[in-house]
N, C-alpha and C. Protein backbone atom coordinates (compact mmCIF):
# COMPACT_ATOMS: atom_id res chain seq x y z
N MET A 1 0.83 -1.20 0.00
CA MET A 1 0.00 0.00 0.00
C MET A 1 0.87 1.25 0.00
N LYS A 2 1.90 1.25 0.83
CA LYS A 2 2.79 2.41 0.87
C LYS A 2 3.50 2.60 -0.47
N HIS A 3 3.91 1.47 -1.08
CA HIS A 3 4.61 1.56 -2.36
C HIS A 3 3.70 2.18 -3.43
N LYS A 4 2.44 1.79 -3.43
CA LYS A 4 1.49 2.33 -4.41
C LYS A 4 1.32 3.84 -4.21
N HIS A 5 1.24 4.26 -2.97
CA HIS A 5 1.07 5.69 -2.68
C HIS A 5 2.28 6.49 -3.17
N ALA A 6 3.47 5.96 -2.93
CA ALA A 6 4.69 6.65 -3.36
C ALA A 6 4.73 6.73 -4.89
N LYS A 7 4.34 5.65 -5.56
CA LYS A 7 4.34 5.64 -7.02
C LYS A 7 3.36 6.68 -7.56
N THR A 8 2.20 6.78 -6.95
CA THR A 8 1.20 7.75 -7.39
C THR A 8 1.74 9.17 -7.20
N LYS A 9 2.42 9.41 -6.09
CA LYS A 9 2.98 10.74 -5.82
C LYS A 9 4.00 11.12 -6.89
N VAL A 10 4.84 10.18 -7.28
CA VAL A 10 5.86 10.46 -8.29
C VAL A 10 5.20 10.74 -9.64
N GLU A 11 4.15 9.99 -9.98
CA GLU A 11 3.48 10.18 -11.27
C GLU A 11 2.77 11.53 -11.35
N LYS A 12 2.33 12.06 -10.21
CA LYS A 12 1.57 13.31 -10.24
C LYS A 12 2.46 14.55 -10.36
N GLU A 13 3.75 14.44 -10.11
CA GLU A 13 4.61 15.63 -10.12
C GLU A 13 4.59 16.39 -11.45
N PRO A 14 4.76 15.73 -12.61
CA PRO A 14 4.71 16.49 -13.87
C PRO A 14 3.35 17.16 -14.07
N ALA A 15 2.27 16.49 -13.68
CA ALA A 15 0.94 17.06 -13.82
C ALA A 15 0.82 18.30 -12.94
N LEU A 16 1.40 18.25 -11.74
CA LEU A 16 1.35 19.41 -10.85
C LEU A 16 2.13 20.58 -11.45
N LYS A 17 3.26 20.29 -12.10
CA LYS A 17 4.02 21.36 -12.74
C LYS A 17 3.21 21.99 -13.86
N GLY A 18 2.51 21.16 -14.62
CA GLY A 18 1.66 21.67 -15.69
C GLY A 18 0.52 22.50 -15.14
N THR A 19 -0.04 22.04 -14.02
CA THR A 19 -1.13 22.78 -13.38
C THR A 19 -0.62 24.12 -12.88
N LEU A 20 0.55 24.12 -12.27
CA LEU A 20 1.14 25.36 -11.76
C LEU A 20 1.36 26.35 -12.90
N ALA A 21 1.88 25.85 -14.02
CA ALA A 21 2.11 26.72 -15.18
C ALA A 21 0.79 27.29 -15.69
N SER A 22 -0.24 26.46 -15.74
CA SER A 22 -1.55 26.92 -16.22
C SER A 22 -2.13 27.98 -15.29
N VAL A 23 -2.02 27.75 -13.98
CA VAL A 23 -2.55 28.71 -13.01
C VAL A 23 -1.79 30.03 -13.09
N LEU A 24 -0.46 29.96 -13.22
CA LEU A 24 0.33 31.19 -13.33
C LEU A 24 -0.04 31.95 -14.60
N PHE A 25 -0.19 31.22 -15.71
CA PHE A 25 -0.55 31.85 -16.98
C PHE A 25 -1.92 32.54 -16.86
N LEU A 26 -2.90 31.82 -16.29
CA LEU A 26 -4.23 32.41 -16.13
C LEU A 26 -4.19 33.60 -15.19
N GLY A 27 -3.39 33.49 -14.13
CA GLY A 27 -3.27 34.59 -13.17
C GLY A 27 -2.70 35.84 -13.83
N PHE A 28 -1.61 35.66 -14.57
CA PHE A 28 -1.01 36.82 -15.26
C PHE A 28 -1.97 37.39 -16.29
N PHE A 29 -2.69 36.52 -16.99
CA PHE A 29 -3.65 36.99 -17.99
C PHE A 29 -4.76 37.81 -17.33
N LEU A 30 -5.29 37.33 -16.20
CA LEU A 30 -6.35 38.06 -15.50
C LEU A 30 -5.84 39.40 -14.98
N ILE A 31 -4.64 39.40 -14.39
CA ILE A 31 -4.07 40.65 -13.87
C ILE A 31 -3.86 41.64 -15.01
N PHE A 32 -3.31 41.15 -16.14
CA PHE A 32 -3.09 42.01 -17.29
C PHE A 32 -4.41 42.60 -17.79
N THR A 33 -5.45 41.77 -17.85
CA THR A 33 -6.76 42.23 -18.31
C THR A 33 -7.32 43.30 -17.38
N TRP A 34 -7.28 43.06 -16.06
CA TRP A 34 -7.81 44.03 -15.10
C TRP A 34 -7.03 45.34 -15.15
N VAL A 35 -5.70 45.25 -15.24
CA VAL A 35 -4.88 46.47 -15.31
C VAL A 35 -5.19 47.24 -16.59
N SER A 36 -5.34 46.52 -17.70
CA SER A 36 -5.67 47.19 -18.96
C SER A 36 -7.01 47.91 -18.87
N VAL A 37 -8.01 47.26 -18.32
CA VAL A 37 -9.33 47.88 -18.17
C VAL A 37 -9.25 49.07 -17.23
N TYR A 38 -8.47 48.95 -16.17
CA TYR A 38 -8.33 50.04 -15.20
C TYR A 38 -7.71 51.28 -15.85
N PHE A 39 -6.63 51.06 -16.63
CA PHE A 39 -5.99 52.20 -17.30
C PHE A 39 -6.91 52.79 -18.37
N LEU A 40 -7.67 51.94 -19.05
CA LEU A 40 -8.64 52.44 -20.02
C LEU A 40 -9.67 53.32 -19.31
N PHE A 41 -10.11 52.88 -18.13
CA PHE A 41 -11.06 53.66 -17.33
C PHE A 41 -10.44 55.00 -16.92
N LEU A 42 -9.18 54.99 -16.49
CA LEU A 42 -8.52 56.23 -16.08
C LEU A 42 -8.38 57.19 -17.26
N ASN A 43 -8.08 56.65 -18.44
CA ASN A 43 -7.91 57.50 -19.62
C ASN A 43 -9.22 58.15 -20.05
N ARG A 44 -10.34 57.53 -19.72
CA ARG A 44 -11.64 58.07 -20.16
C ARG A 44 -12.24 59.02 -19.14
N LEU A 45 -11.61 59.22 -18.01
CA LEU A 45 -12.14 60.15 -17.01
C LEU A 45 -11.99 61.58 -17.49
């Protein structure tokens, strides 16, 4: 049972790296979008 758990943990590492990259990409995209809209709002005042 312990061996199976360790094997599963090792197999999930690349998936976690991919998930982290996806989350970071989405986070930067959302921040960029909000900042762009904010500056657009400031320019129209």
